[in-house]
Amino acid sequence: MRKFLSLIALVATPLAAQDFSEGSEAQSWNLYAEVPARFEATVVDVLCELSGDCPENCGDGARQLGLIRTADDVMVLPMKNSQPAFTGAVAELAPFCGQVIEVDGLMIEDEELGARNIYLVQRINAGDADWIKANTWTKKWAEAHPEAAGKGPWFRRDPRIKEIIATEGYLGLGLEADETYAEENF
């Protein structure tokens, strides 16, 4: 319990205490409360850190990953990569499980909303290697779903999404609700 409370305190620590924008080359998304942030951190499995449930290799991409910032031991929660959809942070960070890396991206921080340490990772540097762009999620998705090849956005072809729509409808309320909505609105 003590470890859990300590980690909650770390996640809740305000970013205002330090400025991580120096040297950042992050591209703005024009999001409310975004601030460029470049820092060194260890890639961790969030559930492992909070509960002690620690599968090998951070769950092989099936778990939410976090960044424990070296400068202040604060847990930062990466929610997306540099691609347009809010996806990809786990795919980008999974190869670095347990490693200390440097990241560059955008931090979302707003005291009034209670948003703290939400991160959009755009670039990653591991050791002596060059910076890599955090933009591989759709390529990795396409490799994992060759049966869904085609034009248009990935989510229109994703077999998992198509299966859910087939049973729950586009609105998630069932096929009858979709039919009723279509009749009333189109």
C-alpha atoms as a PDB file:
ATOM      1  CA  MET A   1       0.000   0.000   0.000  1.00  0.00           C
ATOM      2  CA  ARG A   2       2.873   2.346   0.817  1.00  0.00           C
ATOM      3  CA  LYS A   3       4.391   1.828  -2.661  1.00  0.00           C
ATOM      4  CA  PHE A   4       1.012   2.557  -4.248  1.00  0.00           C
ATOM      5  CA  LEU A   5       0.572   5.812  -2.276  1.00  0.00           C
ATOM      6  CA  SER A   6       4.124   6.874  -3.112  1.00  0.00           C
ATOM      7  CA  LEU A   7       3.506   6.315  -6.812  1.00  0.00           C
ATOM      8  CA  ILE A   8       0.221   8.238  -6.698  1.00  0.00           C
ATOM      9  CA  ALA A   9       2.090  11.121  -5.110  1.00  0.00           C
ATOM     10  CA  LEU A  10       4.686  10.961  -7.889  1.00  0.00           C
ATOM     11  CA  VAL A  11       2.042  11.042 -10.620  1.00  0.00           C
ATOM     12  CA  ALA A  12       0.299  13.948  -8.895  1.00  0.00           C
ATOM     13  CA  THR A  13       3.446  16.058  -8.523  1.00  0.00           C
ATOM     14  CA  PRO A  14       2.951  19.308 -10.480  1.00  0.00           C
ATOM     15  CA  LEU A  15       5.108  19.838 -13.544  1.00  0.00           C
ATOM     16  CA  ALA A  16       5.355  23.521 -12.649  1.00  0.00           C
ATOM     17  CA  ALA A  17       8.319  22.758 -10.403  1.00  0.00           C
ATOM     18  CA  GLN A  18      10.530  22.160 -13.460  1.00  0.00           C
ATOM     19  CA  ASP A  19      10.666  23.340 -17.046  1.00  0.00           C
ATOM     20  CA  PHE A  20      11.334  20.515 -19.503  1.00  0.00           C
ATOM     21  CA  SER A  21      10.931  22.603 -22.667  1.00  0.00           C
ATOM     22  CA  GLU A  22      14.641  23.378 -23.133  1.00  0.00           C
ATOM     23  CA  GLY A  23      15.976  21.705 -26.288  1.00  0.00           C
ATOM     24  CA  SER A  24      12.575  20.373 -27.315  1.00  0.00           C
ATOM     25  CA  GLU A  25      11.823  20.239 -31.025  1.00  0.00           C
ATOM     26  CA  ALA A  26       8.239  19.055 -30.498  1.00  0.00           C
ATOM     27  CA  GLN A  27       5.693  20.188 -33.057  1.00  0.00           C
ATOM     28  CA  SER A  28       2.621  21.909 -31.649  1.00  0.00           C
ATOM     29  CA  TRP A  29      -0.770  20.232 -32.010  1.00  0.00           C
ATOM     30  CA  ASN A  30      -2.475  23.439 -30.823  1.00  0.00           C
ATOM     31  CA  LEU A  31      -3.978  21.485 -27.942  1.00  0.00           C
ATOM     32  CA  TYR A  32      -5.181  23.275 -24.847  1.00  0.00           C
ATOM     33  CA  ALA A  33      -2.488  23.330 -22.145  1.00  0.00           C
ATOM     34  CA  GLU A  34       0.247  21.745 -24.300  1.00  0.00           C
ATOM     35  CA  VAL A  35       3.866  22.514 -23.451  1.00  0.00           C
ATOM     36  CA  PRO A  36       6.952  21.173 -25.262  1.00  0.00           C
ATOM     37  CA  ALA A  37       8.818  18.713 -23.044  1.00  0.00           C
ATOM     38  CA  ARG A  38      12.058  16.829 -23.563  1.00  0.00           C
ATOM     39  CA  PHE A  39      13.397  14.609 -20.799  1.00  0.00           C
ATOM     40  CA  GLU A  40      15.116  11.354 -19.883  1.00  0.00           C
ATOM     41  CA  ALA A  41      12.974   8.563 -18.414  1.00  0.00           C
ATOM     42  CA  THR A  42      12.728   4.834 -17.804  1.00  0.00           C
ATOM     43  CA  VAL A  43      10.014   2.997 -19.774  1.00  0.00           C
ATOM     44  CA  VAL A  44       7.804   1.063 -17.348  1.00  0.00           C
ATOM     45  CA  ASP A  45       4.638  -1.027 -17.256  1.00  0.00           C
ATOM     46  CA  VAL A  46       2.190   1.215 -15.355  1.00  0.00           C
ATOM     47  CA  LEU A  47       0.191  -1.654 -13.839  1.00  0.00           C
ATOM     48  CA  CYS A  48       3.421  -3.293 -12.695  1.00  0.00           C
ATOM     49  CA  GLU A  49       4.542  -0.066 -11.017  1.00  0.00           C
ATOM     50  CA  LEU A  50       1.218   0.424  -9.245  1.00  0.00           C
ATOM     51  CA  SER A  51       0.278  -3.147  -8.301  1.00  0.00           C
ATOM     52  CA  GLY A  52       3.356  -5.351  -8.536  1.00  0.00           C
ATOM     53  CA  ASP A  53       1.727  -7.435 -11.329  1.00  0.00           C
ATOM     54  CA  CYS A  54       4.761  -7.544 -13.610  1.00  0.00           C
ATOM     55  CA  PRO A  55       4.764  -9.796 -16.683  1.00  0.00           C
ATOM     56  CA  GLU A  56       7.964 -10.074 -18.688  1.00  0.00           C
ATOM     57  CA  ASN A  57       8.826  -7.365 -21.188  1.00  0.00           C
ATOM     58  CA  CYS A  58       6.157  -4.928 -19.921  1.00  0.00           C
ATOM     59  CA  GLY A  59       3.409  -7.258 -21.136  1.00  0.00           C
ATOM     60  CA  ASP A  60       4.684  -7.376 -24.748  1.00  0.00           C
ATOM     61  CA  GLY A  61       2.667  -4.337 -25.803  1.00  0.00           C
ATOM     62  CA  ALA A  62      -0.608  -5.384 -24.151  1.00  0.00           C
ATOM     63  CA  ARG A  63      -0.227  -3.054 -21.141  1.00  0.00           C
ATOM     64  CA  GLN A  64      -0.248   0.723 -20.724  1.00  0.00           C
ATOM     65  CA  LEU A  65       3.316   1.989 -20.542  1.00  0.00           C
ATOM     66  CA  GLY A  66       4.622   4.924 -18.575  1.00  0.00           C
ATOM     67  CA  LEU A  67       7.757   6.982 -18.257  1.00  0.00           C
ATOM     68  CA  ILE A  68       9.471   7.480 -14.878  1.00  0.00           C
ATOM     69  CA  ARG A  69      11.233  10.804 -15.416  1.00  0.00           C
ATOM     70  CA  THR A  70      14.878  10.689 -14.310  1.00  0.00           C
ATOM     71  CA  ALA A  71      14.985  14.310 -13.123  1.00  0.00           C
ATOM     72  CA  ASP A  72      12.277  13.946 -10.460  1.00  0.00           C
ATOM     73  CA  ASP A  73      10.994  10.318 -10.425  1.00  0.00           C
ATOM     74  CA  VAL A  74       7.539  11.471 -11.599  1.00  0.00           C
ATOM     75  CA  MET A  75       5.451   8.991 -13.589  1.00  0.00           C
ATOM     76  CA  VAL A  76       4.453  10.498 -16.933  1.00  0.00           C
ATOM     77  CA  LEU A  77       1.644   8.874 -18.907  1.00  0.00           C
ATOM     78  CA  PRO A  78       2.283   8.805 -22.685  1.00  0.00           C
ATOM     79  CA  MET A  79      -1.105   8.711 -24.418  1.00  0.00           C
ATOM     80  CA  LYS A  80      -0.182   8.995 -28.096  1.00  0.00           C
ATOM     81  CA  ASN A  81       2.605   9.097 -30.612  1.00  0.00           C
ATOM     82  CA  SER A  82       3.181  11.742 -33.307  1.00  0.00           C
ATOM     83  CA  GLN A  83       0.490  10.403 -35.654  1.00  0.00           C
ATOM     84  CA  PRO A  84      -2.957  12.094 -35.909  1.00  0.00           C
ATOM     85  CA  ALA A  85      -4.993   9.497 -33.972  1.00  0.00           C
ATOM     86  CA  PHE A  86      -4.683   9.188 -30.201  1.00  0.00           C
ATOM     87  CA  THR A  87      -2.907   5.835 -30.484  1.00  0.00           C
ATOM     88  CA  GLY A  88       0.564   4.473 -30.673  1.00  0.00           C
ATOM     89  CA  ALA A  89       2.410   5.347 -27.479  1.00  0.00           C
ATOM     90  CA  VAL A  90       2.685   1.710 -26.373  1.00  0.00           C
ATOM     91  CA  ALA A  91       3.803   0.521 -29.823  1.00  0.00           C
ATOM     92  CA  GLU A  92       6.517   3.171 -29.887  1.00  0.00           C
ATOM     93  CA  LEU A  93       7.783   2.586 -26.343  1.00  0.00           C
ATOM     94  CA  ALA A  94       7.446  -1.223 -25.999  1.00  0.00           C
ATOM     95  CA  PRO A  95      10.856  -1.985 -27.582  1.00  0.00           C
ATOM     96  CA  PHE A  96      12.441   0.080 -24.792  1.00  0.00           C
ATOM     97  CA  CYS A  97      10.799  -1.669 -21.801  1.00  0.00           C
ATOM     98  CA  GLY A  98      12.947  -1.141 -18.705  1.00  0.00           C
ATOM     99  CA  GLN A  99      15.420   1.081 -20.546  1.00  0.00           C
ATOM    100  CA  VAL A 100      16.364   4.682 -19.898  1.00  0.00           C
ATOM    101  CA  ILE A 101      15.577   6.733 -23.008  1.00  0.00           C
ATOM    102  CA  GLU A 102      15.160  10.385 -23.907  1.00  0.00           C
ATOM    103  CA  VAL A 103      11.818  11.537 -25.280  1.00  0.00           C
ATOM    104  CA  ASP A 104      10.645  14.737 -26.916  1.00  0.00           C
ATOM    105  CA  GLY A 105       7.009  15.684 -27.261  1.00  0.00           C
ATOM    106  CA  LEU A 106       4.172  17.625 -25.709  1.00  0.00           C
ATOM    107  CA  MET A 107       3.093  17.623 -22.064  1.00  0.00           C
ATOM    108  CA  ILE A 108      -0.524  18.387 -21.190  1.00  0.00           C
ATOM    109  CA  GLU A 109      -0.756  20.119 -17.831  1.00  0.00           C
ATOM    110  CA  ASP A 110      -3.772  21.966 -16.416  1.00  0.00           C
ATOM    111  CA  GLU A 111      -4.317  22.337 -12.665  1.00  0.00           C
ATOM    112  CA  GLU A 112      -7.987  23.359 -13.005  1.00  0.00           C
ATOM    113  CA  LEU A 113      -8.837  20.272 -15.064  1.00  0.00           C
ATOM    114  CA  GLY A 114      -6.661  18.031 -12.934  1.00  0.00           C
ATOM    115  CA  ALA A 115      -4.599  17.045 -15.988  1.00  0.00           C
ATOM    116  CA  ARG A 116      -1.050  16.218 -14.962  1.00  0.00           C
ATOM    117  CA  ASN A 117       1.810  14.514 -16.727  1.00  0.00           C
ATOM    118  CA  ILE A 118      -0.144  13.506 -19.835  1.00  0.00           C
ATOM    119  CA  TYR A 119       2.355  13.142 -22.658  1.00  0.00           C
ATOM    120  CA  LEU A 120       2.335  12.976 -26.448  1.00  0.00           C
ATOM    121  CA  VAL A 121       5.636  11.393 -27.511  1.00  0.00           C
ATOM    122  CA  GLN A 122       6.990  12.572 -30.865  1.00  0.00           C
ATOM    123  CA  ARG A 123      10.634  11.459 -30.830  1.00  0.00           C
ATOM    124  CA  ILE A 124      12.698   8.861 -28.971  1.00  0.00           C
ATOM    125  CA  ASN A 125      16.442   8.602 -28.423  1.00  0.00           C
ATOM    126  CA  ALA A 126      17.897   5.430 -26.945  1.00  0.00           C
ATOM    127  CA  GLY A 127      21.562   5.581 -26.011  1.00  0.00           C
ATOM    128  CA  ASP A 128      23.991   6.566 -28.740  1.00  0.00           C
ATOM    129  CA  ALA A 129      21.462   6.070 -31.543  1.00  0.00           C
ATOM    130  CA  ASP A 130      19.919   8.894 -33.551  1.00  0.00           C
ATOM    131  CA  TRP A 131      16.507  10.258 -32.663  1.00  0.00           C
ATOM    132  CA  ILE A 132      13.673   8.220 -34.149  1.00  0.00           C
ATOM    133  CA  LYS A 133      10.235   9.568 -34.959  1.00  0.00           C
ATOM    134  CA  ALA A 134       7.429   8.042 -32.934  1.00  0.00           C
ATOM    135  CA  ASN A 135       5.225   7.351 -35.943  1.00  0.00           C
ATOM    136  CA  THR A 136       5.243   3.592 -36.528  1.00  0.00           C
ATOM    137  CA  TRP A 137       1.858   2.610 -35.063  1.00  0.00           C
ATOM    138  CA  THR A 138      -0.128   2.379 -38.334  1.00  0.00           C
ATOM    139  CA  LYS A 139       2.683   0.432 -40.007  1.00  0.00           C
ATOM    140  CA  LYS A 140       2.752  -2.033 -37.099  1.00  0.00           C
ATOM    141  CA  TRP A 141      -1.068  -2.247 -37.193  1.00  0.00           C
ATOM    142  CA  ALA A 142      -0.984  -3.031 -40.949  1.00  0.00           C
ATOM    143  CA  GLU A 143       1.637  -5.766 -40.394  1.00  0.00           C
ATOM    144  CA  ALA A 144      -0.529  -7.322 -37.658  1.00  0.00           C
ATOM    145  CA  HIS A 145      -3.690  -7.176 -39.821  1.00  0.00           C
ATOM    146  CA  PRO A 146      -2.738  -8.021 -43.434  1.00  0.00           C
ATOM    147  CA  GLU A 147      -6.337  -9.148 -44.070  1.00  0.00           C
ATOM    148  CA  ALA A 148      -7.433  -5.534 -43.559  1.00  0.00           C
ATOM    149  CA  ALA A 149      -5.355  -4.058 -46.399  1.00  0.00           C
ATOM    150  CA  GLY A 150      -7.010  -1.369 -48.463  1.00  0.00           C
ATOM    151  CA  LYS A 151      -7.647   2.327 -48.772  1.00  0.00           C
ATOM    152  CA  GLY A 152      -9.081   4.640 -46.175  1.00  0.00           C
ATOM    153  CA  PRO A 153      -8.520   5.004 -42.442  1.00  0.00           C
ATOM    154  CA  TRP A 154      -7.284   1.922 -40.567  1.00  0.00           C
ATOM    155  CA  PHE A 155     -10.221   1.934 -38.142  1.00  0.00           C
ATOM    156  CA  ARG A 156     -12.723   1.410 -40.976  1.00  0.00           C
ATOM    157  CA  ARG A 157     -10.885  -1.837 -41.864  1.00  0.00           C
ATOM    158  CA  ASP A 158      -9.884  -3.091 -38.415  1.00  0.00           C
ATOM    159  CA  PRO A 159     -11.382  -6.577 -37.912  1.00  0.00           C
ATOM    160  CA  ARG A 160     -11.888  -6.006 -34.184  1.00  0.00           C
ATOM    161  CA  ILE A 161     -13.853  -2.804 -34.782  1.00  0.00           C
ATOM    162  CA  LYS A 162     -15.885  -4.359 -37.598  1.00  0.00           C
ATOM    163  CA  GLU A 163     -16.814  -7.257 -35.299  1.00  0.00           C
ATOM    164  CA  ILE A 164     -18.030  -4.897 -32.580  1.00  0.00           C
ATOM    165  CA  ILE A 165     -20.074  -2.848 -35.074  1.00  0.00           C
ATOM    166  CA  ALA A 166     -21.622  -6.041 -36.463  1.00  0.00           C
ATOM    167  CA  THR A 167     -22.967  -6.966 -33.017  1.00  0.00           C
ATOM    168  CA  GLU A 168     -23.417  -3.622 -31.242  1.00  0.00           C
ATOM    169  CA  GLY A 169     -24.041  -1.232 -34.150  1.00  0.00           C
ATOM    170  CA  TYR A 170     -22.302   2.033 -34.965  1.00  0.00           C
ATOM    171  CA  LEU A 171     -23.777   3.772 -31.929  1.00  0.00           C
ATOM    172  CA  GLY A 172     -22.916   0.927 -29.558  1.00  0.00           C
ATOM    173  CA  LEU A 173     -26.590   0.603 -28.627  1.00  0.00           C
ATOM    174  CA  GLY A 174     -27.433  -2.401 -30.795  1.00  0.00           C
ATOM    175  CA  LEU A 175     -28.428  -2.870 -34.436  1.00  0.00           C
ATOM    176  CA  GLU A 176     -32.062  -1.882 -33.790  1.00  0.00           C
ATOM    177  CA  ALA A 177     -30.989   1.458 -32.328  1.00  0.00           C
ATOM    178  CA  ASP A 178     -28.911   2.093 -35.470  1.00  0.00           C
ATOM    179  CA  GLU A 179     -31.914   1.332 -37.686  1.00  0.00           C
ATOM    180  CA  THR A 180     -34.201   3.596 -35.652  1.00  0.00           C
ATOM    181  CA  TYR A 181     -31.651   6.415 -35.717  1.00  0.00           C
ATOM    182  CA  ALA A 182     -31.209   6.086 -39.493  1.00  0.00           C
ATOM    183  CA  GLU A 183     -34.974   6.108 -40.074  1.00  0.00           C
ATOM    184  CA  GLU A 184     -35.464   9.190 -37.891  1.00  0.00           C
ATOM    185  CA  ASN A 185     -32.503  11.187 -39.192  1.00  0.00           C
ATOM    186  CA  PHE A 186     -31.876  10.261 -42.816  1.00  0.00           C
END
